[in-house]
Amino acid sequence: MLRLGWRRDEPMAVQFTLRGIPDHPVLYWGDWAILRDFLRYGLEEPTGDGDVRITPESPAGTIRLDLGSAGGRPCAVRLPMATVRGFLAATEAIVPSGEEASEALLEALIERLLQR
């Protein structure tokens, strides 16, 4: 199960939480945070580096998330583009792109991303 998360107090970040159902040690799990803009860009072109890479699969109407972690196994998850667009539209309705950045907010986001 993959859950997309977003918080008004950190509007530039999107969180991915992956949990195997049922919970079992051989199933994938983890938490990742990326910039909301990266998720948006990933709908159109390959984006990202490090532990999160996003690749659009246009004929299939999906995006592929390649998720990795230190000491963990990499995995790939596919999401419908329509789901991601709806998620982004819902976040934009609350905090539009371009209105989310304050210096304190950027520092808090950078600090949080570096902790992962």
PDB file of N, CA and C in Angstrom:
ATOM      1  N   MET A   1       0.852  -1.164   0.000  1.00  0.00           N
ATOM      2  CA  MET A   1       0.000   0.000   0.000  1.00  0.00           C
ATOM      3  C   MET A   1       0.903   1.234   0.000  1.00  0.00           C
ATOM      4  N   LEU A   2       0.647   2.150  -0.905  1.00  0.00           N
ATOM      5  CA  LEU A   2       1.382   3.407  -0.976  1.00  0.00           C
ATOM      6  C   LEU A   2       0.441   4.542  -0.613  1.00  0.00           C
ATOM      7  N   ARG A   3       0.876   5.365   0.325  1.00  0.00           N
ATOM      8  CA  ARG A   3       0.078   6.519   0.734  1.00  0.00           C
ATOM      9  C   ARG A   3       0.849   7.782   0.380  1.00  0.00           C
ATOM     10  N   LEU A   4       0.170   8.719  -0.267  1.00  0.00           N
ATOM     11  CA  LEU A   4       0.729  10.039  -0.534  1.00  0.00           C
ATOM     12  C   LEU A   4       0.290  10.957   0.589  1.00  0.00           C
ATOM     13  N   GLY A   5       1.221  11.754   1.107  1.00  0.00           N
ATOM     14  CA  GLY A   5       0.890  12.671   2.191  1.00  0.00           C
ATOM     15  C   GLY A   5       1.385  14.075   1.892  1.00  0.00           C
ATOM     16  N   TRP A   6       0.708  15.028   2.444  1.00  0.00           N
ATOM     17  CA  TRP A   6       1.053  16.432   2.272  1.00  0.00           C
ATOM     18  C   TRP A   6       0.512  17.197   3.464  1.00  0.00           C
ATOM     19  N   ARG A   7       1.265  18.210   3.912  1.00  0.00           N
ATOM     20  CA  ARG A   7       0.815  19.011   5.054  1.00  0.00           C
ATOM     21  C   ARG A   7       0.890  20.486   4.705  1.00  0.00           C
ATOM     22  N   ARG A   8      -0.116  21.214   5.149  1.00  0.00           N
ATOM     23  CA  ARG A   8      -0.179  22.654   4.896  1.00  0.00           C
ATOM     24  C   ARG A   8       1.036  23.375   5.468  1.00  0.00           C
ATOM     25  N   ASP A   9       1.559  22.898   6.607  1.00  0.00           N
ATOM     26  CA  ASP A   9       2.684  23.598   7.226  1.00  0.00           C
ATOM     27  C   ASP A   9       4.021  23.267   6.555  1.00  0.00           C
ATOM     28  N   GLU A  10       4.035  22.301   5.635  1.00  0.00           N
ATOM     29  CA  GLU A  10       5.213  21.995   4.807  1.00  0.00           C
ATOM     30  C   GLU A  10       4.738  21.817   3.366  1.00  0.00           C
ATOM     31  N   PRO A  11       4.238  22.892   2.750  1.00  0.00           N
ATOM     32  CA  PRO A  11       3.552  22.753   1.462  1.00  0.00           C
ATOM     33  C   PRO A  11       4.441  22.364   0.295  1.00  0.00           C
ATOM     34  N   MET A  12       5.741  22.479   0.434  1.00  0.00           N
ATOM     35  CA  MET A  12       6.623  22.126  -0.668  1.00  0.00           C
ATOM     36  C   MET A  12       6.942  20.640  -0.711  1.00  0.00           C
ATOM     37  N   ALA A  13       6.626  19.904   0.339  1.00  0.00           N
ATOM     38  CA  ALA A  13       7.014  18.498   0.445  1.00  0.00           C
ATOM     39  C   ALA A  13       5.824  17.567   0.262  1.00  0.00           C
ATOM     40  N   VAL A  14       6.102  16.439  -0.374  1.00  0.00           N
ATOM     41  CA  VAL A  14       5.155  15.338  -0.490  1.00  0.00           C
ATOM     42  C   VAL A  14       5.816  14.125   0.154  1.00  0.00           C
ATOM     43  N   GLN A  15       5.052  13.399   0.944  1.00  0.00           N
ATOM     44  CA  GLN A  15       5.576  12.210   1.599  1.00  0.00           C
ATOM     45  C   GLN A  15       4.974  10.968   0.947  1.00  0.00           C
ATOM     46  N   PHE A  16       5.823   9.961   0.761  1.00  0.00           N
ATOM     47  CA  PHE A  16       5.384   8.644   0.316  1.00  0.00           C
ATOM     48  C   PHE A  16       5.595   7.692   1.478  1.00  0.00           C
ATOM     49  N   THR A  17       4.577   6.922   1.804  1.00  0.00           N
ATOM     50  CA  THR A  17       4.691   5.878   2.823  1.00  0.00           C
ATOM     51  C   THR A  17       4.283   4.571   2.164  1.00  0.00           C
ATOM     52  N   LEU A  18       5.214   3.631   2.136  1.00  0.00           N
ATOM     53  CA  LEU A  18       4.965   2.331   1.522  1.00  0.00           C
ATOM     54  C   LEU A  18       4.958   1.273   2.617  1.00  0.00           C
ATOM     55  N   ARG A  19       3.883   0.494   2.675  1.00  0.00           N
ATOM     56  CA  ARG A  19       3.740  -0.572   3.658  1.00  0.00           C
ATOM     57  C   ARG A  19       3.228  -1.828   2.960  1.00  0.00           C
ATOM     58  N   GLY A  20       3.848  -2.948   3.271  1.00  0.00           N
ATOM     59  CA  GLY A  20       3.359  -4.226   2.769  1.00  0.00           C
ATOM     60  C   GLY A  20       2.131  -4.647   3.547  1.00  0.00           C
ATOM     61  N   ILE A  21       1.146  -5.147   2.851  1.00  0.00           N
ATOM     62  CA  ILE A  21      -0.079  -5.623   3.493  1.00  0.00           C
ATOM     63  C   ILE A  21      -0.258  -7.078   3.094  1.00  0.00           C
ATOM     64  N   PRO A  22      -0.260  -8.015   4.011  1.00  0.00           N
ATOM     65  CA  PRO A  22      -0.095  -7.864   5.451  1.00  0.00           C
ATOM     66  C   PRO A  22       1.367  -7.566   5.782  1.00  0.00           C
ATOM     67  N   ASP A  23       1.595  -7.042   6.966  1.00  0.00           N
ATOM     68  CA  ASP A  23       2.938  -6.702   7.411  1.00  0.00           C
ATOM     69  C   ASP A  23       3.794  -7.968   7.467  1.00  0.00           C
ATOM     70  N   HIS A  24       4.896  -7.944   6.728  1.00  0.00           N
ATOM     71  CA  HIS A  24       5.778  -9.103   6.684  1.00  0.00           C
ATOM     72  C   HIS A  24       7.180  -8.616   6.335  1.00  0.00           C
ATOM     73  N   PRO A  25       8.223  -9.196   6.919  1.00  0.00           N
ATOM     74  CA  PRO A  25       9.586  -8.699   6.700  1.00  0.00           C
ATOM     75  C   PRO A  25      10.070  -8.747   5.251  1.00  0.00           C
ATOM     76  N   VAL A  26       9.511  -9.609   4.407  1.00  0.00           N
ATOM     77  CA  VAL A  26       9.978  -9.657   3.023  1.00  0.00           C
ATOM     78  C   VAL A  26       9.263  -8.664   2.119  1.00  0.00           C
ATOM     79  N   LEU A  27       8.196  -8.042   2.610  1.00  0.00           N
ATOM     80  CA  LEU A  27       7.484  -7.052   1.812  1.00  0.00           C
ATOM     81  C   LEU A  27       8.129  -5.681   1.985  1.00  0.00           C
ATOM     82  N   TYR A  28       8.017  -4.877   0.958  1.00  0.00           N
ATOM     83  CA  TYR A  28       8.623  -3.547   0.966  1.00  0.00           C
ATOM     84  C   TYR A  28       7.941  -2.622   1.958  1.00  0.00           C
ATOM     85  N   TRP A  29       8.732  -1.694   2.517  1.00  0.00           N
ATOM     86  CA  TRP A  29       8.188  -0.657   3.382  1.00  0.00           C
ATOM     87  C   TRP A  29       9.206   0.480   3.449  1.00  0.00           C
ATOM     88  N   GLY A  30       8.727   1.666   3.762  1.00  0.00           N
ATOM     89  CA  GLY A  30       9.613   2.807   3.923  1.00  0.00           C
ATOM     90  C   GLY A  30       8.861   4.115   3.821  1.00  0.00           C
ATOM     91  N   ASP A  31       9.578   5.190   4.103  1.00  0.00           N
ATOM     92  CA  ASP A  31       9.048   6.549   4.043  1.00  0.00           C
ATOM     93  C   ASP A  31      10.023   7.402   3.245  1.00  0.00           C
ATOM     94  N   TRP A  32       9.501   8.224   2.360  1.00  0.00           N
ATOM     95  CA  TRP A  32      10.318   9.108   1.544  1.00  0.00           C
ATOM     96  C   TRP A  32       9.645  10.472   1.473  1.00  0.00           C
ATOM     97  N   ALA A  33      10.447  11.518   1.289  1.00  0.00           N
ATOM     98  CA  ALA A  33       9.918  12.870   1.100  1.00  0.00           C
ATOM     99  C   ALA A  33      10.589  13.470  -0.123  1.00  0.00           C
ATOM    100  N   ILE A  34       9.781  14.119  -0.970  1.00  0.00           N
ATOM    101  CA  ILE A  34      10.312  14.814  -2.135  1.00  0.00           C
ATOM    102  C   ILE A  34       9.627  16.171  -2.248  1.00  0.00           C
ATOM    103  N   LEU A  35      10.160  17.021  -3.103  1.00  0.00           N
ATOM    104  CA  LEU A  35       9.513  18.299  -3.367  1.00  0.00           C
ATOM    105  C   LEU A  35       8.242  18.075  -4.189  1.00  0.00           C
ATOM    106  N   ARG A  36       7.229  18.832  -3.869  1.00  0.00           N
ATOM    107  CA  ARG A  36       5.967  18.737  -4.610  1.00  0.00           C
ATOM    108  C   ARG A  36       6.201  19.014  -6.090  1.00  0.00           C
ATOM    109  N   ASP A  37       7.082  19.954  -6.397  1.00  0.00           N
ATOM    110  CA  ASP A  37       7.390  20.261  -7.797  1.00  0.00           C
ATOM    111  C   ASP A  37       7.977  19.052  -8.524  1.00  0.00           C
ATOM    112  N   PHE A  38       8.802  18.251  -7.841  1.00  0.00           N
ATOM    113  CA  PHE A  38       9.380  17.066  -8.481  1.00  0.00           C
ATOM    114  C   PHE A  38       8.278  16.083  -8.884  1.00  0.00           C
ATOM    115  N   LEU A  39       7.293  15.918  -8.019  1.00  0.00           N
ATOM    116  CA  LEU A  39       6.190  15.024  -8.355  1.00  0.00           C
ATOM    117  C   LEU A  39       5.448  15.564  -9.574  1.00  0.00           C
ATOM    118  N   ARG A  40       5.240  16.860  -9.627  1.00  0.00           N
ATOM    119  CA  ARG A  40       4.576  17.495 -10.764  1.00  0.00           C
ATOM    120  C   ARG A  40       5.400  17.299 -12.036  1.00  0.00           C
ATOM    121  N   TYR A  41       6.709  17.552 -11.961  1.00  0.00           N
ATOM    122  CA  TYR A  41       7.572  17.382 -13.129  1.00  0.00           C
ATOM    123  C   TYR A  41       7.592  15.930 -13.592  1.00  0.00           C
ATOM    124  N   GLY A  42       7.520  15.010 -12.663  1.00  0.00           N
ATOM    125  CA  GLY A  42       7.566  13.586 -12.987  1.00  0.00           C
ATOM    126  C   GLY A  42       6.385  13.105 -13.813  1.00  0.00           C
ATOM    127  N   LEU A  43       5.338  13.902 -13.906  1.00  0.00           N
ATOM    128  CA  LEU A  43       4.218  13.563 -14.777  1.00  0.00           C
ATOM    129  C   LEU A  43       4.571  13.759 -16.241  1.00  0.00           C
ATOM    130  N   GLU A  44       5.591  14.584 -16.504  1.00  0.00           N
ATOM    131  CA  GLU A  44       5.949  14.933 -17.876  1.00  0.00           C
ATOM    132  C   GLU A  44       7.294  14.383 -18.336  1.00  0.00           C
ATOM    133  N   GLU A  45       8.246  14.235 -17.403  1.00  0.00           N
ATOM    134  CA  GLU A  45       9.592  13.811 -17.785  1.00  0.00           C
ATOM    135  C   GLU A  45      10.259  13.098 -16.609  1.00  0.00           C
ATOM    136  N   PRO A  46      11.257  12.253 -16.891  1.00  0.00           N
ATOM    137  CA  PRO A  46      11.970  11.597 -15.788  1.00  0.00           C
ATOM    138  C   PRO A  46      12.579  12.638 -14.849  1.00  0.00           C
ATOM    139  N   THR A  47      12.383  12.439 -13.572  1.00  0.00           N
ATOM    140  CA  THR A  47      12.771  13.410 -12.558  1.00  0.00           C
ATOM    141  C   THR A  47      13.309  12.682 -11.334  1.00  0.00           C
ATOM    142  N   GLY A  48      14.203  13.349 -10.625  1.00  0.00           N
ATOM    143  CA  GLY A  48      14.661  12.857  -9.342  1.00  0.00           C
ATOM    144  C   GLY A  48      16.029  12.225  -9.398  1.00  0.00           C
ATOM    145  N   ASP A  49      16.570  12.032  -8.223  1.00  0.00           N
ATOM    146  CA  ASP A  49      17.843  11.339  -8.064  1.00  0.00           C
ATOM    147  C   ASP A  49      17.877  10.783  -6.652  1.00  0.00           C
ATOM    148  N   GLY A  50      18.904  10.063  -6.335  1.00  0.00           N
ATOM    149  CA  GLY A  50      18.968   9.499  -4.992  1.00  0.00           C
ATOM    150  C   GLY A  50      17.931   8.419  -4.795  1.00  0.00           C
ATOM    151  N   ASP A  51      17.211   8.482  -3.697  1.00  0.00           N
ATOM    152  CA  ASP A  51      16.276   7.427  -3.313  1.00  0.00           C
ATOM    153  C   ASP A  51      14.922   7.491  -4.009  1.00  0.00           C
ATOM    154  N   VAL A  52      14.603   8.601  -4.692  1.00  0.00           N
ATOM    155  CA  VAL A  52      13.316   8.706  -5.368  1.00  0.00           C
ATOM    156  C   VAL A  52      13.527   9.178  -6.804  1.00  0.00           C
ATOM    157  N   ARG A  53      13.073   8.352  -7.726  1.00  0.00           N
ATOM    158  CA  ARG A  53      13.105   8.707  -9.145  1.00  0.00           C
ATOM    159  C   ARG A  53      11.694   8.488  -9.697  1.00  0.00           C
ATOM    160  N   ILE A  54      11.258   9.418 -10.539  1.00  0.00           N
ATOM    161  CA  ILE A  54       9.911   9.367 -11.093  1.00  0.00           C
ATOM    162  C   ILE A  54      10.025   9.349 -12.610  1.00  0.00           C
ATOM    163  N   THR A  55       9.321   8.400 -13.232  1.00  0.00           N
ATOM    164  CA  THR A  55       9.347   8.284 -14.685  1.00  0.00           C
ATOM    165  C   THR A  55       7.921   8.173 -15.195  1.00  0.00           C
ATOM    166  N   PRO A  56       7.528   9.078 -16.109  1.00  0.00           N
ATOM    167  CA  PRO A  56       6.189   8.954 -16.691  1.00  0.00           C
ATOM    168  C   PRO A  56       6.146   7.782 -17.674  1.00  0.00           C
ATOM    169  N   GLU A  57       5.055   7.062 -17.658  1.00  0.00           N
ATOM    170  CA  GLU A  57       4.814   5.985 -18.609  1.00  0.00           C
ATOM    171  C   GLU A  57       3.542   6.346 -19.365  1.00  0.00           C
ATOM    172  N   SER A  58       3.683   7.305 -20.279  1.00  0.00           N
ATOM    173  CA  SER A  58       2.541   7.933 -20.944  1.00  0.00           C
ATOM    174  C   SER A  58       1.566   6.969 -21.611  1.00  0.00           C
ATOM    175  N   PRO A  59       2.025   6.008 -22.414  1.00  0.00           N
ATOM    176  CA  PRO A  59       1.014   5.136 -23.032  1.00  0.00           C
ATOM    177  C   PRO A  59       0.170   4.386 -21.992  1.00  0.00           C
ATOM    178  N   ALA A  60       0.783   4.065 -20.870  1.00  0.00           N
ATOM    179  CA  ALA A  60       0.056   3.336 -19.825  1.00  0.00           C
ATOM    180  C   ALA A  60      -0.739   4.278 -18.926  1.00  0.00           C
ATOM    181  N   GLY A  61      -0.460   5.587 -19.002  1.00  0.00           N
ATOM    182  CA  GLY A  61      -1.153   6.531 -18.132  1.00  0.00           C
ATOM    183  C   GLY A  61      -0.731   6.425 -16.684  1.00  0.00           C
ATOM    184  N   THR A  62       0.513   5.984 -16.453  1.00  0.00           N
ATOM    185  CA  THR A  62       1.019   5.823 -15.098  1.00  0.00           C
ATOM    186  C   THR A  62       2.351   6.541 -14.942  1.00  0.00           C
ATOM    187  N   ILE A  63       2.751   6.716 -13.689  1.00  0.00           N
ATOM    188  CA  ILE A  63       4.120   7.105 -13.401  1.00  0.00           C
ATOM    189  C   ILE A  63       4.734   5.959 -12.610  1.00  0.00           C
ATOM    190  N   ARG A  64       6.021   5.799 -12.782  1.00  0.00           N
ATOM    191  CA  ARG A  64       6.757   4.772 -12.042  1.00  0.00           C
ATOM    192  C   ARG A  64       7.612   5.473 -11.009  1.00  0.00           C
ATOM    193  N   LEU A  65       7.445   5.068  -9.754  1.00  0.00           N
ATOM    194  CA  LEU A  65       8.286   5.553  -8.661  1.00  0.00           C
ATOM    195  C   LEU A  65       9.318   4.487  -8.359  1.00  0.00           C
ATOM    196  N   ASP A  66      10.581   4.830  -8.511  1.00  0.00           N
ATOM    197  CA  ASP A  66      11.655   3.942  -8.088  1.00  0.00           C
ATOM    198  C   ASP A  66      12.108   4.441  -6.734  1.00  0.00           C
ATOM    199  N   LEU A  67      11.901   3.632  -5.719  1.00  0.00           N
ATOM    200  CA  LEU A  67      12.176   4.010  -4.339  1.00  0.00           C
ATOM    201  C   LEU A  67      13.303   3.151  -3.794  1.00  0.00           C
ATOM    202  N   GLY A  68      14.289   3.779  -3.227  1.00  0.00           N
ATOM    203  CA  GLY A  68      15.411   3.065  -2.643  1.00  0.00           C
ATOM    204  C   GLY A  68      15.661   3.572  -1.246  1.00  0.00           C
ATOM    205  N   SER A  69      16.559   2.884  -0.546  1.00  0.00           N
ATOM    206  CA  SER A  69      16.911   3.334   0.795  1.00  0.00           C
ATOM    207  C   SER A  69      18.246   2.735   1.181  1.00  0.00           C
ATOM    208  N   ALA A  70      18.914   3.397   2.094  1.00  0.00           N
ATOM    209  CA  ALA A  70      20.190   2.891   2.590  1.00  0.00           C
ATOM    210  C   ALA A  70      19.954   1.560   3.292  1.00  0.00           C
ATOM    211  N   GLY A  71      20.612   0.535   2.836  1.00  0.00           N
ATOM    212  CA  GLY A  71      20.478  -0.768   3.466  1.00  0.00           C
ATOM    213  C   GLY A  71      19.229  -1.528   3.077  1.00  0.00           C
ATOM    214  N   GLY A  72      18.350  -0.925   2.312  1.00  0.00           N
ATOM    215  CA  GLY A  72      17.120  -1.592   1.917  1.00  0.00           C
ATOM    216  C   GLY A  72      17.138  -1.965   0.453  1.00  0.00           C
ATOM    217  N   ARG A  73      16.141  -2.720   0.073  1.00  0.00           N
ATOM    218  CA  ARG A  73      16.024  -3.115  -1.319  1.00  0.00           C
ATOM    219  C   ARG A  73      15.274  -2.043  -2.089  1.00  0.00           C
ATOM    220  N   PRO A  74      15.717  -1.747  -3.303  1.00  0.00           N
ATOM    221  CA  PRO A  74      14.951  -0.809  -4.119  1.00  0.00           C
ATOM    222  C   PRO A  74      13.651  -1.469  -4.583  1.00  0.00           C
ATOM    223  N   CYS A  75      12.653  -0.659  -4.836  1.00  0.00           N
ATOM    224  CA  CYS A  75      11.408  -1.193  -5.370  1.00  0.00           C
ATOM    225  C   CYS A  75      10.809  -0.196  -6.346  1.00  0.00           C
ATOM    226  N   ALA A  76       9.923  -0.661  -7.171  1.00  0.00           N
ATOM    227  CA  ALA A  76       9.226   0.186  -8.130  1.00  0.00           C
ATOM    228  C   ALA A  76       7.727   0.087  -7.873  1.00  0.00           C
ATOM    229  N   VAL A  77       7.064   1.237  -7.911  1.00  0.00           N
ATOM    230  CA  VAL A  77       5.619   1.317  -7.698  1.00  0.00           C
ATOM    231  C   VAL A  77       5.045   2.135  -8.843  1.00  0.00           C
ATOM    232  N   ARG A  78       3.930   1.692  -9.373  1.00  0.00           N
ATOM    233  CA  ARG A  78       3.261   2.445 -10.431  1.00  0.00           C
ATOM    234  C   ARG A  78       1.981   3.068  -9.878  1.00  0.00           C
ATOM    235  N   LEU A  79       1.766   4.326 -10.281  1.00  0.00           N
ATOM    236  CA  LEU A  79       0.573   5.059  -9.863  1.00  0.00           C
ATOM    237  C   LEU A  79      -0.128   5.614 -11.097  1.00  0.00           C
ATOM    238  N   PRO A  80      -1.446   5.619 -11.114  1.00  0.00           N
ATOM    239  CA  PRO A  80      -2.149   6.263 -12.220  1.00  0.00           C
ATOM    240  C   PRO A  80      -1.866   7.775 -12.226  1.00  0.00           C
ATOM    241  N   MET A  81      -1.575   8.312 -13.397  1.00  0.00           N
ATOM    242  CA  MET A  81      -1.329   9.747 -13.506  1.00  0.00           C
ATOM    243  C   MET A  81      -2.531  10.553 -13.015  1.00  0.00           C
ATOM    244  N   ALA A  82      -3.734  10.064 -13.283  1.00  0.00           N
ATOM    245  CA  ALA A  82      -4.937  10.779 -12.845  1.00  0.00           C
ATOM    246  C   ALA A  82      -4.980  10.913 -11.325  1.00  0.00           C
ATOM    247  N   THR A  83      -4.552   9.888 -10.617  1.00  0.00           N
ATOM    248  CA  THR A  83      -4.516   9.941  -9.152  1.00  0.00           C
ATOM    249  C   THR A  83      -3.531  10.994  -8.685  1.00  0.00           C
ATOM    250  N   VAL A  84      -2.358  11.012  -9.292  1.00  0.00           N
ATOM    251  CA  VAL A  84      -1.329  11.981  -8.904  1.00  0.00           C
ATOM    252  C   VAL A  84      -1.775  13.394  -9.244  1.00  0.00           C
ATOM    253  N   ARG A  85      -2.366  13.588 -10.413  1.00  0.00           N
ATOM    254  CA  ARG A  85      -2.863  14.923 -10.787  1.00  0.00           C
ATOM    255  C   ARG A  85      -3.944  15.396  -9.800  1.00  0.00           C
ATOM    256  N   GLY A  86      -4.843  14.502  -9.412  1.00  0.00           N
ATOM    257  CA  GLY A  86      -5.877  14.853  -8.441  1.00  0.00           C
ATOM    258  C   GLY A  86      -5.288  15.223  -7.096  1.00  0.00           C
ATOM    259  N   PHE A  87      -4.298  14.459  -6.653  1.00  0.00           N
ATOM    260  CA  PHE A  87      -3.612  14.748  -5.399  1.00  0.00           C
ATOM    261  C   PHE A  87      -2.961  16.122  -5.457  1.00  0.00           C
ATOM    262  N   LEU A  88      -2.230  16.406  -6.541  1.00  0.00           N
ATOM    263  CA  LEU A  88      -1.560  17.703  -6.682  1.00  0.00           C
ATOM    264  C   LEU A  88      -2.573  18.845  -6.757  1.00  0.00           C
ATOM    265  N   ALA A  89      -3.676  18.640  -7.459  1.00  0.00           N
ATOM    266  CA  ALA A  89      -4.707  19.680  -7.547  1.00  0.00           C
ATOM    267  C   ALA A  89      -5.289  19.996  -6.172  1.00  0.00           C
ATOM    268  N   ALA A  90      -5.483  18.966  -5.355  1.00  0.00           N
ATOM    269  CA  ALA A  90      -6.021  19.178  -4.004  1.00  0.00           C
ATOM    270  C   ALA A  90      -5.041  19.992  -3.157  1.00  0.00           C
ATOM    271  N   THR A  91      -3.726  19.717  -3.285  1.00  0.00           N
ATOM    272  CA  THR A  91      -2.749  20.493  -2.515  1.00  0.00           C
ATOM    273  C   THR A  91      -2.658  21.920  -3.024  1.00  0.00           C
ATOM    274  N   GLU A  92      -2.753  22.090  -4.346  1.00  0.00           N
ATOM    275  CA  GLU A  92      -2.690  23.427  -4.956  1.00  0.00           C
ATOM    276  C   GLU A  92      -3.887  24.292  -4.547  1.00  0.00           C
ATOM    277  N   ALA A  93      -5.039  23.661  -4.331  1.00  0.00           N
ATOM    278  CA  ALA A  93      -6.223  24.410  -3.911  1.00  0.00           C
ATOM    279  C   ALA A  93      -6.032  25.008  -2.520  1.00  0.00           C
ATOM    280  N   ILE A  94      -5.182  24.385  -1.705  1.00  0.00           N
ATOM    281  CA  ILE A  94      -4.948  24.869  -0.348  1.00  0.00           C
ATOM    282  C   ILE A  94      -3.788  25.857  -0.320  1.00  0.00           C
ATOM    283  N   VAL A  95      -2.657  25.477  -0.926  1.00  0.00           N
ATOM    284  CA  VAL A  95      -1.486  26.354  -1.010  1.00  0.00           C
ATOM    285  C   VAL A  95      -0.991  26.310  -2.454  1.00  0.00           C
ATOM    286  N   PRO A  96      -1.344  27.335  -3.251  1.00  0.00           N
ATOM    287  CA  PRO A  96      -0.931  27.338  -4.654  1.00  0.00           C
ATOM    288  C   PRO A  96       0.592  27.364  -4.811  1.00  0.00           C
ATOM    289  N   SER A  97       1.037  26.765  -5.899  1.00  0.00           N
ATOM    290  CA  SER A  97       2.458  26.767  -6.217  1.00  0.00           C
ATOM    291  C   SER A  97       2.946  28.203  -6.343  1.00  0.00           C
ATOM    292  N   GLY A  98       4.085  28.479  -5.744  1.00  0.00           N
ATOM    293  CA  GLY A  98       4.640  29.824  -5.760  1.00  0.00           C
ATOM    294  C   GLY A  98       4.307  30.626  -4.521  1.00  0.00           C
ATOM    295  N   GLU A  99       3.294  30.208  -3.777  1.00  0.00           N
ATOM    296  CA  GLU A  99       2.908  30.914  -2.560  1.00  0.00           C
ATOM    297  C   GLU A  99       3.352  30.183  -1.303  1.00  0.00           C
ATOM    298  N   GLU A 100       4.093  29.101  -1.468  1.00  0.00           N
ATOM    299  CA  GLU A 100       4.448  28.291  -0.320  1.00  0.00           C
ATOM    300  C   GLU A 100       5.775  28.651   0.313  1.00  0.00           C
ATOM    301  N   ALA A 101       6.586  29.426  -0.344  1.00  0.00           N
ATOM    302  CA  ALA A 101       7.967  29.611   0.113  1.00  0.00           C
ATOM    303  C   ALA A 101       8.144  30.837   0.998  1.00  0.00           C
ATOM    304  N   SER A 102       8.596  30.593   2.191  1.00  0.00           N
ATOM    305  CA  SER A 102       9.133  31.625   3.058  1.00  0.00           C
ATOM    306  C   SER A 102      10.506  31.113   3.472  1.00  0.00           C
ATOM    307  N   GLU A 103      11.367  31.971   3.881  1.00  0.00           N
ATOM    308  CA  GLU A 103      12.713  31.540   4.243  1.00  0.00           C
ATOM    309  C   GLU A 103      12.692  30.518   5.379  1.00  0.00           C
ATOM    310  N   ALA A 104      11.878  30.746   6.391  1.00  0.00           N
ATOM    311  CA  ALA A 104      11.799  29.808   7.516  1.00  0.00           C
ATOM    312  C   ALA A 104      11.243  28.461   7.063  1.00  0.00           C
ATOM    313  N   LEU A 105      10.248  28.501   6.176  1.00  0.00           N
ATOM    314  CA  LEU A 105       9.648  27.274   5.671  1.00  0.00           C
ATOM    315  C   LEU A 105      10.660  26.476   4.848  1.00  0.00           C
ATOM    316  N   LEU A 106      11.417  27.162   4.003  1.00  0.00           N
ATOM    317  CA  LEU A 106      12.441  26.480   3.206  1.00  0.00           C
ATOM    318  C   LEU A 106      13.501  25.840   4.092  1.00  0.00           C
ATOM    319  N   GLU A 107      13.930  26.538   5.120  1.00  0.00           N
ATOM    320  CA  GLU A 107      14.926  25.984   6.035  1.00  0.00           C
ATOM    321  C   GLU A 107      14.382  24.747   6.753  1.00  0.00           C
ATOM    322  N   ALA A 108      13.135  24.792   7.175  1.00  0.00           N
ATOM    323  CA  ALA A 108      12.522  23.643   7.857  1.00  0.00           C
ATOM    324  C   ALA A 108      12.412  22.454   6.908  1.00  0.00           C
ATOM    325  N   LEU A 109      12.031  22.704   5.649  1.00  0.00           N
ATOM    326  CA  LEU A 109      11.916  21.631   4.675  1.00  0.00           C
ATOM    327  C   LEU A 109      13.275  21.010   4.387  1.00  0.00           C
ATOM    328  N   ILE A 110      14.288  21.820   4.179  1.00  0.00           N
ATOM    329  CA  ILE A 110      15.637  21.308   3.918  1.00  0.00           C
ATOM    330  C   ILE A 110      16.113  20.472   5.089  1.00  0.00           C
ATOM    331  N   GLU A 111      15.884  20.959   6.288  1.00  0.00           N
ATOM    332  CA  GLU A 111      16.269  20.210   7.494  1.00  0.00           C
ATOM    333  C   GLU A 111      15.582  18.839   7.532  1.00  0.00           C
ATOM    334  N   ARG A 112      14.290  18.822   7.224  1.00  0.00           N
ATOM    335  CA  ARG A 112      13.528  17.565   7.259  1.00  0.00           C
ATOM    336  C   ARG A 112      14.017  16.607   6.174  1.00  0.00           C
ATOM    337  N   LEU A 113      14.265  17.111   4.966  1.00  0.00           N
ATOM    338  CA  LEU A 113      14.719  16.256   3.877  1.00  0.00           C
ATOM    339  C   LEU A 113      16.097  15.679   4.175  1.00  0.00           C
ATOM    340  N   LEU A 114      16.952  16.436   4.819  1.00  0.00           N
ATOM    341  CA  LEU A 114      18.297  15.965   5.149  1.00  0.00           C
ATOM    342  C   LEU A 114      18.287  14.900   6.242  1.00  0.00           C
ATOM    343  N   GLN A 115      17.236  14.857   7.050  1.00  0.00           N
ATOM    344  CA  GLN A 115      17.126  13.857   8.103  1.00  0.00           C
ATOM    345  C   GLN A 115      16.795  12.488   7.568  1.00  0.00           C
ATOM    346  N   ARG A 116      16.337  12.368   6.349  1.00  0.00           N
ATOM    347  CA  ARG A 116      15.916  11.081   5.758  1.00  0.00           C
ATOM    348  C   ARG A 116      17.089  10.358   5.191  1.00  0.00           C
TER     349      ARG A 116
END
